[in-house]
Amino acid sequence: MNENFQKIIIAVVVMAVVVVGFILYRQQKTISSLSKAIATNEKTSSTGSLANLESISKNGSGASLVEQQKKGMEDSTMFIVGTVAAVSENTITVEANMPDWDKMKEIASSANSADKPRNAPTYKKTYKVSVNSETQFIIDKLDSIKVGNTIHITSKELIYQTDKLTAVSVISPFEKPNL
């Protein structure tokens, strides 16, 4: 009987190890896919570089392209990356650098390439982000998020239409991928 009990205990331990291994594997796979999705969004975002605006402005269509990019982003962007300004029980205050579309239009229309900055002009926008029981936290939980951390928040709302968001997922601390 003692031998059977040992076999049962060993079988339970092996099953627990397999289940924990599977959970860790799925979690790592999810984190990897989120990182790839974020990297793709950052790569296609217009907030990174103005290299394409210089060539477009020579053709005279730069301002209209900026308008198209603005419209596309305003109609679809549901995530922010920013710095945590404050954390409370159900709210995270985040300061994010947002594209300054008016300055980009001016730059795109400018004939003088010496006036063109290397990076897209931005302005700071403060968001109040509500978290609830449905919010998925990746890496740190709400009580571990610190002021000054870089944070990535995916929201239910379009970010250009409001400064109050409801978080679907929160990644903190967040490291921007090297592109």
N, C-alpha and C. Protein backbone atom coordinates (compact mmCIF):
# COMPACT_ATOMS: atom_id res chain seq x y z
N MET A 1 0.81 -1.18 0.00
CA MET A 1 0.00 0.00 0.00
C MET A 1 0.86 1.26 0.00
N ASN A 2 1.94 1.26 0.76
CA ASN A 2 2.85 2.39 0.83
C ASN A 2 3.47 2.67 -0.53
N GLU A 3 3.77 1.64 -1.30
CA GLU A 3 4.36 1.77 -2.62
C GLU A 3 3.36 2.41 -3.59
N ASN A 4 2.10 2.03 -3.52
CA ASN A 4 1.06 2.62 -4.37
C ASN A 4 0.88 4.10 -4.04
N PHE A 5 0.93 4.44 -2.75
CA PHE A 5 0.79 5.82 -2.34
C PHE A 5 1.93 6.67 -2.91
N GLN A 6 3.15 6.17 -2.91
CA GLN A 6 4.29 6.88 -3.49
C GLN A 6 4.10 7.09 -4.99
N LYS A 7 3.60 6.06 -5.69
CA LYS A 7 3.36 6.19 -7.12
C LYS A 7 2.31 7.26 -7.42
N ILE A 8 1.28 7.31 -6.59
CA ILE A 8 0.24 8.32 -6.78
C ILE A 8 0.80 9.72 -6.56
N ILE A 9 1.58 9.88 -5.50
CA ILE A 9 2.20 11.17 -5.20
C ILE A 9 3.12 11.59 -6.36
N ILE A 10 3.92 10.69 -6.87
CA ILE A 10 4.82 10.99 -7.99
C ILE A 10 4.01 11.38 -9.23
N ALA A 11 2.93 10.68 -9.48
CA ALA A 11 2.08 10.99 -10.64
C ALA A 11 1.47 12.38 -10.50
N VAL A 12 1.01 12.73 -9.30
CA VAL A 12 0.42 14.05 -9.06
C VAL A 12 1.48 15.14 -9.25
N VAL A 13 2.68 14.94 -8.74
CA VAL A 13 3.76 15.92 -8.88
C VAL A 13 4.12 16.09 -10.36
N VAL A 14 4.22 14.99 -11.09
CA VAL A 14 4.55 15.06 -12.52
C VAL A 14 3.46 15.84 -13.26
N MET A 15 2.21 15.57 -12.97
CA MET A 15 1.10 16.28 -13.61
C MET A 15 1.15 17.78 -13.28
N ALA A 16 1.44 18.11 -12.02
CA ALA A 16 1.53 19.51 -11.63
C ALA A 16 2.66 20.21 -12.39
N VAL A 17 3.80 19.56 -12.54
CA VAL A 17 4.93 20.13 -13.28
C VAL A 17 4.54 20.35 -14.74
N VAL A 18 3.85 19.40 -15.35
CA VAL A 18 3.42 19.52 -16.74
C VAL A 18 2.44 20.69 -16.89
N VAL A 19 1.49 20.82 -15.98
CA VAL A 19 0.51 21.90 -16.05
C VAL A 19 1.19 23.26 -15.88
N VAL A 20 2.07 23.39 -14.90
CA VAL A 20 2.78 24.64 -14.68
C VAL A 20 3.65 24.97 -15.90
N GLY A 21 4.32 23.98 -16.47
CA GLY A 21 5.13 24.19 -17.67
C GLY A 21 4.28 24.68 -18.83
N PHE A 22 3.11 24.10 -19.02
CA PHE A 22 2.21 24.52 -20.09
C PHE A 22 1.74 25.94 -19.88
N ILE A 23 1.38 26.30 -18.66
CA ILE A 23 0.94 27.66 -18.35
C ILE A 23 2.05 28.66 -18.64
N LEU A 24 3.26 28.37 -18.20
CA LEU A 24 4.39 29.26 -18.45
C LEU A 24 4.67 29.41 -19.94
N TYR A 25 4.57 28.31 -20.68
CA TYR A 25 4.77 28.33 -22.13
C TYR A 25 3.73 29.25 -22.79
N ARG A 26 2.46 29.10 -22.43
CA ARG A 26 1.40 29.92 -23.03
C ARG A 26 1.58 31.40 -22.65
N GLN A 27 1.98 31.67 -21.43
CA GLN A 27 2.19 33.04 -21.01
C GLN A 27 3.33 33.68 -21.81
N GLN A 28 4.43 32.96 -21.99
CA GLN A 28 5.56 33.47 -22.76
C GLN A 28 5.16 33.69 -24.22
N LYS A 29 4.37 32.78 -24.76
CA LYS A 29 3.90 32.91 -26.14
C LYS A 29 3.02 34.16 -26.29
N THR A 30 2.16 34.41 -25.32
CA THR A 30 1.30 35.60 -25.34
C THR A 30 2.13 36.87 -25.26
N ILE A 31 3.10 36.91 -24.38
CA ILE A 31 3.97 38.08 -24.24
C ILE A 31 4.73 38.31 -25.53
N SER A 32 5.24 37.26 -26.16
CA SER A 32 5.97 37.40 -27.42
C SER A 32 5.07 37.96 -28.51
N SER A 33 3.86 37.46 -28.61
CA SER A 33 2.96 37.94 -29.66
C SER A 33 2.57 39.40 -29.40
N LEU A 34 2.37 39.78 -28.14
CA LEU A 34 2.07 41.18 -27.82
C LEU A 34 3.25 42.08 -28.17
N SER A 35 4.46 41.64 -27.88
CA SER A 35 5.65 42.42 -28.21
C SER A 35 5.77 42.63 -29.71
N LYS A 36 5.50 41.57 -30.49
CA LYS A 36 5.56 41.69 -31.95
C LYS A 36 4.49 42.65 -32.45
N ALA A 37 3.29 42.57 -31.90
CA ALA A 37 2.20 43.46 -32.32
C ALA A 37 2.54 44.91 -31.99
N ILE A 38 3.11 45.13 -30.83
CA ILE A 38 3.49 46.48 -30.43
C ILE A 38 4.59 47.00 -31.33
N ALA A 39 5.59 46.17 -31.61
CA ALA A 39 6.69 46.57 -32.49
C ALA A 39 6.16 46.93 -33.87
N THR A 40 5.22 46.17 -34.38
CA THR A 40 4.64 46.45 -35.69
C THR A 40 3.89 47.78 -35.66
N ASN A 41 3.11 48.01 -34.61
CA ASN A 41 2.39 49.29 -34.49
C ASN A 41 3.35 50.46 -34.40
N GLU A 42 4.42 50.31 -33.61
CA GLU A 42 5.39 51.38 -33.46
C GLU A 42 6.10 51.65 -34.78
N LYS A 43 6.39 50.59 -35.54
CA LYS A 43 7.10 50.74 -36.80
C LYS A 43 6.25 51.49 -37.82
N THR A 44 4.94 51.27 -37.81
CA THR A 44 4.06 51.90 -38.79
C THR A 44 3.48 53.21 -38.28
N SER A 45 3.76 53.56 -37.05
CA SER A 45 3.24 54.78 -36.47
C SER A 45 3.92 56.00 -37.09
N SER A 46 3.19 57.08 -37.19
CA SER A 46 3.78 58.30 -37.76
C SER A 46 4.49 59.13 -36.71
N THR A 47 4.57 58.68 -35.48
CA THR A 47 5.20 59.48 -34.43
C THR A 47 6.70 59.26 -34.36
N GLY A 48 7.26 58.39 -35.16
CA GLY A 48 8.67 58.06 -35.03
C GLY A 48 9.61 58.90 -35.85
N SER A 49 9.35 59.11 -37.13
CA SER A 49 10.31 59.76 -37.98
C SER A 49 9.62 60.56 -39.07
N LEU A 50 10.27 61.60 -39.52
CA LEU A 50 9.73 62.42 -40.60
C LEU A 50 10.48 62.19 -41.90
N ALA A 51 11.21 61.11 -42.02
CA ALA A 51 12.00 60.87 -43.22
C ALA A 51 11.14 60.87 -44.48
N ASN A 52 9.95 60.28 -44.41
CA ASN A 52 9.11 60.24 -45.60
C ASN A 52 8.48 61.59 -45.90
N LEU A 53 8.33 62.47 -44.93
CA LEU A 53 7.70 63.76 -45.18
C LEU A 53 8.56 64.65 -46.07
N GLU A 54 9.88 64.54 -45.97
CA GLU A 54 10.75 65.37 -46.79
C GLU A 54 10.56 65.07 -48.27
N SER A 55 10.54 63.80 -48.62
CA SER A 55 10.37 63.46 -50.03
C SER A 55 8.95 63.80 -50.50
N ILE A 56 7.97 63.65 -49.65
CA ILE A 56 6.59 63.95 -50.02
C ILE A 56 6.40 65.44 -50.21
N SER A 57 7.03 66.27 -49.37
CA SER A 57 6.84 67.71 -49.48
C SER A 57 7.40 68.24 -50.78
N LYS A 58 8.41 67.58 -51.33
CA LYS A 58 8.96 68.00 -52.62
C LYS A 58 7.92 67.83 -53.72
N ASN A 59 7.02 66.88 -53.56
CA ASN A 59 5.98 66.65 -54.55
C ASN A 59 4.74 67.50 -54.28
N GLY A 60 4.73 68.23 -53.18
CA GLY A 60 3.62 69.12 -52.88
C GLY A 60 2.43 68.44 -52.22
N SER A 61 2.53 67.16 -51.86
CA SER A 61 1.38 66.46 -51.30
C SER A 61 1.57 66.12 -49.83
N GLY A 62 2.56 66.71 -49.18
CA GLY A 62 2.87 66.38 -47.80
C GLY A 62 1.77 66.67 -46.82
N ALA A 63 1.15 67.85 -46.92
CA ALA A 63 0.09 68.21 -45.97
C ALA A 63 -1.10 67.27 -46.09
N SER A 64 -1.45 66.88 -47.31
CA SER A 64 -2.59 65.97 -47.47
C SER A 64 -2.27 64.58 -46.93
N LEU A 65 -1.01 64.16 -47.06
CA LEU A 65 -0.62 62.86 -46.49
C LEU A 65 -0.70 62.90 -44.97
N VAL A 66 -0.27 64.01 -44.38
CA VAL A 66 -0.36 64.15 -42.92
C VAL A 66 -1.83 64.07 -42.50
N GLU A 67 -2.72 64.71 -43.26
CA GLU A 67 -4.15 64.64 -42.95
C GLU A 67 -4.66 63.19 -43.03
N GLN A 68 -4.20 62.45 -44.03
CA GLN A 68 -4.61 61.04 -44.18
C GLN A 68 -4.11 60.21 -43.00
N GLN A 69 -2.84 60.44 -42.62
CA GLN A 69 -2.29 59.70 -41.48
C GLN A 69 -3.04 60.06 -40.20
N LYS A 70 -3.32 61.34 -40.02
CA LYS A 70 -4.05 61.79 -38.84
C LYS A 70 -5.42 61.11 -38.77
N LYS A 71 -6.15 61.14 -39.88
CA LYS A 71 -7.48 60.53 -39.92
C LYS A 71 -7.40 59.04 -39.62
N GLY A 72 -6.42 58.36 -40.24
CA GLY A 72 -6.27 56.92 -40.01
C GLY A 72 -5.97 56.59 -38.57
N MET A 73 -5.10 57.36 -37.95
CA MET A 73 -4.76 57.09 -36.55
C MET A 73 -5.91 57.45 -35.61
N GLU A 74 -6.58 58.58 -35.88
CA GLU A 74 -7.69 58.97 -35.01
C GLU A 74 -8.84 57.99 -35.07
N ASP A 75 -9.02 57.33 -36.21
CA ASP A 75 -10.12 56.39 -36.38
C ASP A 75 -9.80 54.97 -35.92
N SER A 76 -8.54 54.71 -35.51
CA SER A 76 -8.22 53.32 -35.19
C SER A 76 -7.34 53.11 -33.95
N THR A 77 -6.64 54.12 -33.47
CA THR A 77 -5.67 53.90 -32.40
C THR A 77 -6.35 53.77 -31.04
N MET A 78 -6.07 52.62 -30.40
CA MET A 78 -6.67 52.33 -29.10
C MET A 78 -5.62 51.97 -28.05
N PHE A 79 -4.39 52.48 -28.22
CA PHE A 79 -3.36 52.23 -27.22
C PHE A 79 -2.51 53.47 -27.03
N ILE A 80 -1.92 53.59 -25.85
CA ILE A 80 -0.98 54.67 -25.56
C ILE A 80 0.25 54.07 -24.91
N VAL A 81 1.37 54.75 -25.11
CA VAL A 81 2.60 54.45 -24.39
C VAL A 81 3.01 55.77 -23.76
N GLY A 82 3.22 55.75 -22.45
CA GLY A 82 3.56 56.99 -21.77
C GLY A 82 4.21 56.74 -20.43
N THR A 83 4.29 57.80 -19.65
CA THR A 83 4.92 57.76 -18.34
C THR A 83 3.84 57.87 -17.27
N VAL A 84 3.92 57.01 -16.27
CA VAL A 84 2.95 57.03 -15.17
C VAL A 84 3.18 58.31 -14.35
N ALA A 85 2.12 59.12 -14.23
CA ALA A 85 2.19 60.35 -13.44
C ALA A 85 1.61 60.14 -12.04
N ALA A 86 0.62 59.24 -11.93
CA ALA A 86 0.00 58.96 -10.64
C ALA A 86 -0.72 57.62 -10.71
N VAL A 87 -0.85 56.97 -9.54
CA VAL A 87 -1.58 55.71 -9.45
C VAL A 87 -2.47 55.78 -8.22
N SER A 88 -3.75 55.43 -8.42
CA SER A 88 -4.66 55.34 -7.29
C SER A 88 -5.34 53.98 -7.33
N GLU A 89 -6.35 53.80 -6.53
CA GLU A 89 -6.99 52.49 -6.38
C GLU A 89 -7.51 51.92 -7.70
N ASN A 90 -8.17 52.73 -8.52
CA ASN A 90 -8.77 52.25 -9.77
C ASN A 90 -8.32 53.05 -10.98
N THR A 91 -7.35 53.96 -10.82
CA THR A 91 -6.98 54.86 -11.90
C THR A 91 -5.46 55.00 -12.02
N ILE A 92 -5.01 55.04 -13.26
CA ILE A 92 -3.61 55.34 -13.55
C ILE A 92 -3.61 56.61 -14.40
N THR A 93 -2.85 57.62 -13.97
CA THR A 93 -2.71 58.84 -14.76
C THR A 93 -1.44 58.69 -15.59
N VAL A 94 -1.58 58.86 -16.91
CA VAL A 94 -0.47 58.64 -17.83
C VAL A 94 -0.26 59.88 -18.69
N GLU A 95 1.01 60.30 -18.82
CA GLU A 95 1.37 61.38 -19.74
C GLU A 95 1.97 60.73 -20.97
N ALA A 96 1.36 60.98 -22.13
CA ALA A 96 1.82 60.38 -23.38
C ALA A 96 2.20 61.48 -24.37
N ASN A 97 3.23 61.22 -25.17
CA ASN A 97 3.60 62.13 -26.25
C ASN A 97 2.74 61.80 -27.46
N MET A 98 1.97 62.77 -27.88
CA MET A 98 1.05 62.59 -28.99
C MET A 98 1.55 63.37 -30.21
N PRO A 99 1.26 62.89 -31.42
CA PRO A 99 1.70 63.60 -32.61
C PRO A 99 1.06 64.98 -32.71
N ASP A 100 1.87 65.99 -33.02
CA ASP A 100 1.36 67.33 -33.23
C ASP A 100 1.09 67.48 -34.73
N TRP A 101 -0.14 67.20 -35.13
CA TRP A 101 -0.49 67.14 -36.56
C TRP A 101 -0.31 68.48 -37.25
N ASP A 102 -0.62 69.59 -36.57
CA ASP A 102 -0.49 70.91 -37.20
C ASP A 102 0.98 71.21 -37.54
N LYS A 103 1.88 70.92 -36.60
CA LYS A 103 3.30 71.14 -36.88
C LYS A 103 3.79 70.21 -37.99
N MET A 104 3.28 68.99 -38.01
CA MET A 104 3.68 68.07 -39.08
C MET A 104 3.23 68.58 -40.44
N LYS A 105 2.02 69.17 -40.50
CA LYS A 105 1.55 69.73 -41.77
C LYS A 105 2.45 70.88 -42.21
N GLU A 106 2.84 71.75 -41.26
CA GLU A 106 3.74 72.85 -41.58
C GLU A 106 5.06 72.32 -42.13
N ILE A 107 5.61 71.31 -41.46
CA ILE A 107 6.89 70.73 -41.89
C ILE A 107 6.75 70.10 -43.27
N ALA A 108 5.66 69.39 -43.49
CA ALA A 108 5.46 68.72 -44.78
C ALA A 108 5.29 69.73 -45.91
N SER A 109 4.74 70.90 -45.61
CA SER A 109 4.52 71.92 -46.63
C SER A 109 5.76 72.76 -46.87
N SER A 110 6.69 72.75 -45.93
CA SER A 110 7.88 73.59 -46.01
C SER A 110 8.80 73.13 -47.14
N ALA A 111 9.31 74.09 -47.90
CA ALA A 111 10.23 73.78 -48.99
C ALA A 111 11.66 73.66 -48.48
N ASN A 112 11.94 74.25 -47.33
CA ASN A 112 13.30 74.27 -46.80
C ASN A 112 13.55 73.03 -45.94
N SER A 113 14.37 72.12 -46.43
CA SER A 113 14.63 70.88 -45.69
C SER A 113 15.45 71.11 -44.44
N ALA A 114 16.12 72.26 -44.32
CA ALA A 114 16.90 72.56 -43.11
C ALA A 114 15.98 72.79 -41.91
N ASP A 115 14.71 73.16 -42.19
CA ASP A 115 13.74 73.40 -41.11
C ASP A 115 13.15 72.12 -40.56
N LYS A 116 13.40 71.00 -41.19
CA LYS A 116 12.74 69.75 -40.82
C LYS A 116 13.48 69.06 -39.68
N PRO A 117 12.78 68.79 -38.58
CA PRO A 117 13.41 68.05 -37.47
C PRO A 117 13.57 66.58 -37.82
N ARG A 118 14.41 65.90 -37.07
CA ARG A 118 14.62 64.46 -37.31
C ARG A 118 13.44 63.63 -36.82
N ASN A 119 12.81 64.05 -35.75
CA ASN A 119 11.68 63.30 -35.18
C ASN A 119 10.40 64.10 -35.35
N ALA A 120 9.30 63.39 -35.35
CA ALA A 120 8.00 64.04 -35.48
C ALA A 120 7.73 64.91 -34.25
N PRO A 121 7.16 66.09 -34.46
CA PRO A 121 6.83 66.94 -33.31
C PRO A 121 5.68 66.32 -32.50
N THR A 122 5.77 66.46 -31.20
CA THR A 122 4.75 65.89 -30.31
C THR A 122 4.37 66.91 -29.25
N TYR A 123 3.30 66.62 -28.56
CA TYR A 123 2.89 67.38 -27.39
C TYR A 123 2.47 66.36 -26.32
N LYS A 124 2.49 66.78 -25.05
CA LYS A 124 2.10 65.88 -23.96
C LYS A 124 0.60 65.95 -23.74
N LYS A 125 -0.01 64.78 -23.59
CA LYS A 125 -1.43 64.70 -23.27
C LYS A 125 -1.57 63.80 -22.05
N THR A 126 -2.39 64.22 -21.10
CA THR A 126 -2.59 63.45 -19.87
C THR A 126 -3.89 62.66 -19.99
N TYR A 127 -3.79 61.37 -19.70
CA TYR A 127 -4.94 60.47 -19.73
C TYR A 127 -5.23 59.96 -18.33
N LYS A 128 -6.50 59.86 -18.00
CA LYS A 128 -6.96 59.18 -16.78
C LYS A 128 -7.45 57.81 -17.24
N VAL A 129 -6.77 56.76 -16.80
CA VAL A 129 -7.08 55.40 -17.25
C VAL A 129 -7.71 54.62 -16.10
N SER A 130 -8.96 54.19 -16.31
CA SER A 130 -9.66 53.38 -15.30
C SER A 130 -9.30 51.92 -15.50
N VAL A 131 -9.08 51.23 -14.39
CA VAL A 131 -8.85 49.79 -14.44
C VAL A 131 -9.99 49.11 -13.68
N ASN A 132 -10.31 47.89 -14.11
CA ASN A 132 -11.38 47.15 -13.44
C ASN A 132 -11.02 45.67 -13.39
N SER A 133 -11.95 44.84 -12.99
CA SER A 133 -11.67 43.42 -12.83
C SER A 133 -11.39 42.73 -14.16
N GLU A 134 -11.80 43.34 -15.28
CA GLU A 134 -11.55 42.76 -16.60
C GLU A 134 -10.20 43.16 -17.18
N THR A 135 -9.53 44.15 -16.57
CA THR A 135 -8.24 44.61 -17.07
C THR A 135 -7.19 43.53 -16.89
N GLN A 136 -6.46 43.26 -17.96
CA GLN A 136 -5.41 42.24 -17.92
C GLN A 136 -4.08 42.93 -17.67
N PHE A 137 -3.40 42.54 -16.60
CA PHE A 137 -2.10 43.11 -16.26
C PHE A 137 -1.00 42.15 -16.71
N ILE A 138 -0.05 42.67 -17.45
CA ILE A 138 1.08 41.88 -17.93
C ILE A 138 2.32 42.44 -17.23
N ILE A 139 3.06 41.62 -16.60
CA ILE A 139 4.26 41.89 -15.79
C ILE A 139 3.84 42.37 -14.41
N ASP A 140 3.62 43.69 -14.20
CA ASP A 140 3.27 44.21 -12.87
C ASP A 140 1.76 44.35 -12.71
N LYS A 141 1.29 44.09 -11.51
CA LYS A 141 -0.10 44.35 -11.15
C LYS A 141 -0.23 45.83 -10.77
N LEU A 142 -1.46 46.29 -10.60
CA LEU A 142 -1.70 47.71 -10.31
C LEU A 142 -0.92 48.19 -9.10
N ASP A 143 -0.88 47.40 -8.03
CA ASP A 143 -0.20 47.85 -6.81
C ASP A 143 1.32 47.90 -6.94
N SER A 144 1.88 47.35 -8.03
CA SER A 144 3.33 47.39 -8.24
C SER A 144 3.75 48.47 -9.23
N ILE A 145 2.79 49.12 -9.88
CA ILE A 145 3.11 50.16 -10.86
C ILE A 145 3.55 51.41 -10.12
N LYS A 146 4.66 51.98 -10.56
CA LYS A 146 5.26 53.14 -9.89
C LYS A 146 5.21 54.37 -10.77
N VAL A 147 5.13 55.54 -10.14
CA VAL A 147 5.22 56.81 -10.85
C VAL A 147 6.58 56.86 -11.54
N GLY A 148 6.58 57.26 -12.80
CA GLY A 148 7.82 57.33 -13.57
C GLY A 148 8.04 56.14 -14.49
N ASN A 149 7.31 55.02 -14.23
CA ASN A 149 7.41 53.85 -15.12
C ASN A 149 6.91 54.21 -16.51
N THR A 150 7.49 53.58 -17.51
CA THR A 150 6.93 53.64 -18.86
C THR A 150 5.88 52.54 -18.92
N ILE A 151 4.73 52.86 -19.51
CA ILE A 151 3.60 51.95 -19.47
C ILE A 151 2.93 51.90 -20.85
N HIS A 152 2.42 50.74 -21.20
CA HIS A 152 1.65 50.56 -22.44
C HIS A 152 0.24 50.17 -22.03
N ILE A 153 -0.75 50.91 -22.52
CA ILE A 153 -2.14 50.63 -22.18
C ILE A 153 -2.95 50.48 -23.45
N THR A 154 -3.65 49.36 -23.55
CA THR A 154 -4.62 49.16 -24.62
C THR A 154 -5.98 49.47 -24.01
N SER A 155 -6.77 50.30 -24.72
CA SER A 155 -8.03 50.75 -24.14
C SER A 155 -9.23 50.30 -24.96
N LYS A 156 -10.40 50.50 -24.39
CA LYS A 156 -11.65 50.22 -25.09
C LYS A 156 -12.01 51.38 -26.02
N GLU A 157 -11.50 52.57 -25.71
CA GLU A 157 -11.85 53.78 -26.45
C GLU A 157 -10.76 54.17 -27.44
N LEU A 158 -11.15 54.94 -28.45
CA LEU A 158 -10.18 55.55 -29.36
C LEU A 158 -9.49 56.68 -28.61
N ILE A 159 -8.16 56.70 -28.61
CA ILE A 159 -7.42 57.61 -27.73
C ILE A 159 -7.46 59.07 -28.16
N TYR A 160 -7.74 59.35 -29.42
CA TYR A 160 -7.77 60.74 -29.87
C TYR A 160 -9.11 61.41 -29.59
N GLN A 161 -10.10 60.66 -29.14
CA GLN A 161 -11.43 61.21 -28.92
C GLN A 161 -11.72 61.54 -27.46
N THR A 162 -10.83 61.14 -26.55
CA THR A 162 -11.08 61.38 -25.13
C THR A 162 -9.77 61.36 -24.36
N ASP A 163 -9.81 61.85 -23.14
CA ASP A 163 -8.65 61.73 -22.25
C ASP A 163 -8.97 60.82 -21.07
N LYS A 164 -10.15 60.17 -21.12
CA LYS A 164 -10.54 59.19 -20.11
C LYS A 164 -10.69 57.84 -20.79
N LEU A 165 -9.85 56.89 -20.39
CA LEU A 165 -9.81 55.58 -21.02
C LEU A 165 -10.15 54.48 -20.03
N THR A 166 -10.61 53.35 -20.53
CA THR A 166 -10.80 52.15 -19.73
C THR A 166 -9.80 51.12 -20.24
N ALA A 167 -8.93 50.66 -19.38
CA ALA A 167 -7.85 49.75 -19.79
C ALA A 167 -8.37 48.34 -20.04
N VAL A 168 -7.99 47.80 -21.20
CA VAL A 168 -8.22 46.39 -21.51
C VAL A 168 -7.01 45.60 -21.04
N SER A 169 -5.80 46.16 -21.35
CA SER A 169 -4.57 45.52 -20.88
C SER A 169 -3.55 46.59 -20.51
N VAL A 170 -2.67 46.23 -19.56
CA VAL A 170 -1.64 47.13 -19.06
C VAL A 170 -0.33 46.37 -19.04
N ILE A 171 0.70 46.94 -19.69
CA ILE A 171 2.04 46.36 -19.62
C ILE A 171 2.92 47.37 -18.91
N SER A 172 3.43 46.99 -17.74
CA SER A 172 4.29 47.86 -16.96
C SER A 172 5.23 47.01 -16.13
N PRO A 173 6.50 47.33 -16.11
CA PRO A 173 7.16 48.36 -16.90
C PRO A 173 7.24 47.93 -18.37
N PHE A 174 7.19 48.90 -19.26
CA PHE A 174 7.18 48.64 -20.69
C PHE A 174 8.47 49.15 -21.30
N GLU A 175 9.14 48.32 -22.07
CA GLU A 175 10.33 48.74 -22.78
C GLU A 175 10.01 48.78 -24.25
N LYS A 176 10.20 49.96 -24.87
CA LYS A 176 9.95 50.08 -26.30
C LYS A 176 10.93 49.19 -27.06
N PRO A 177 10.44 48.46 -28.05
CA PRO A 177 11.34 47.62 -28.82
C PRO A 177 12.30 48.46 -29.65
N ASN A 178 13.52 47.99 -29.81
CA ASN A 178 14.48 48.66 -30.68
C ASN A 178 14.16 48.35 -32.12
N LEU A 179 13.84 49.37 -32.89
CA LEU A 179 13.46 49.16 -34.28
C LEU A 179 14.56 49.58 -35.20
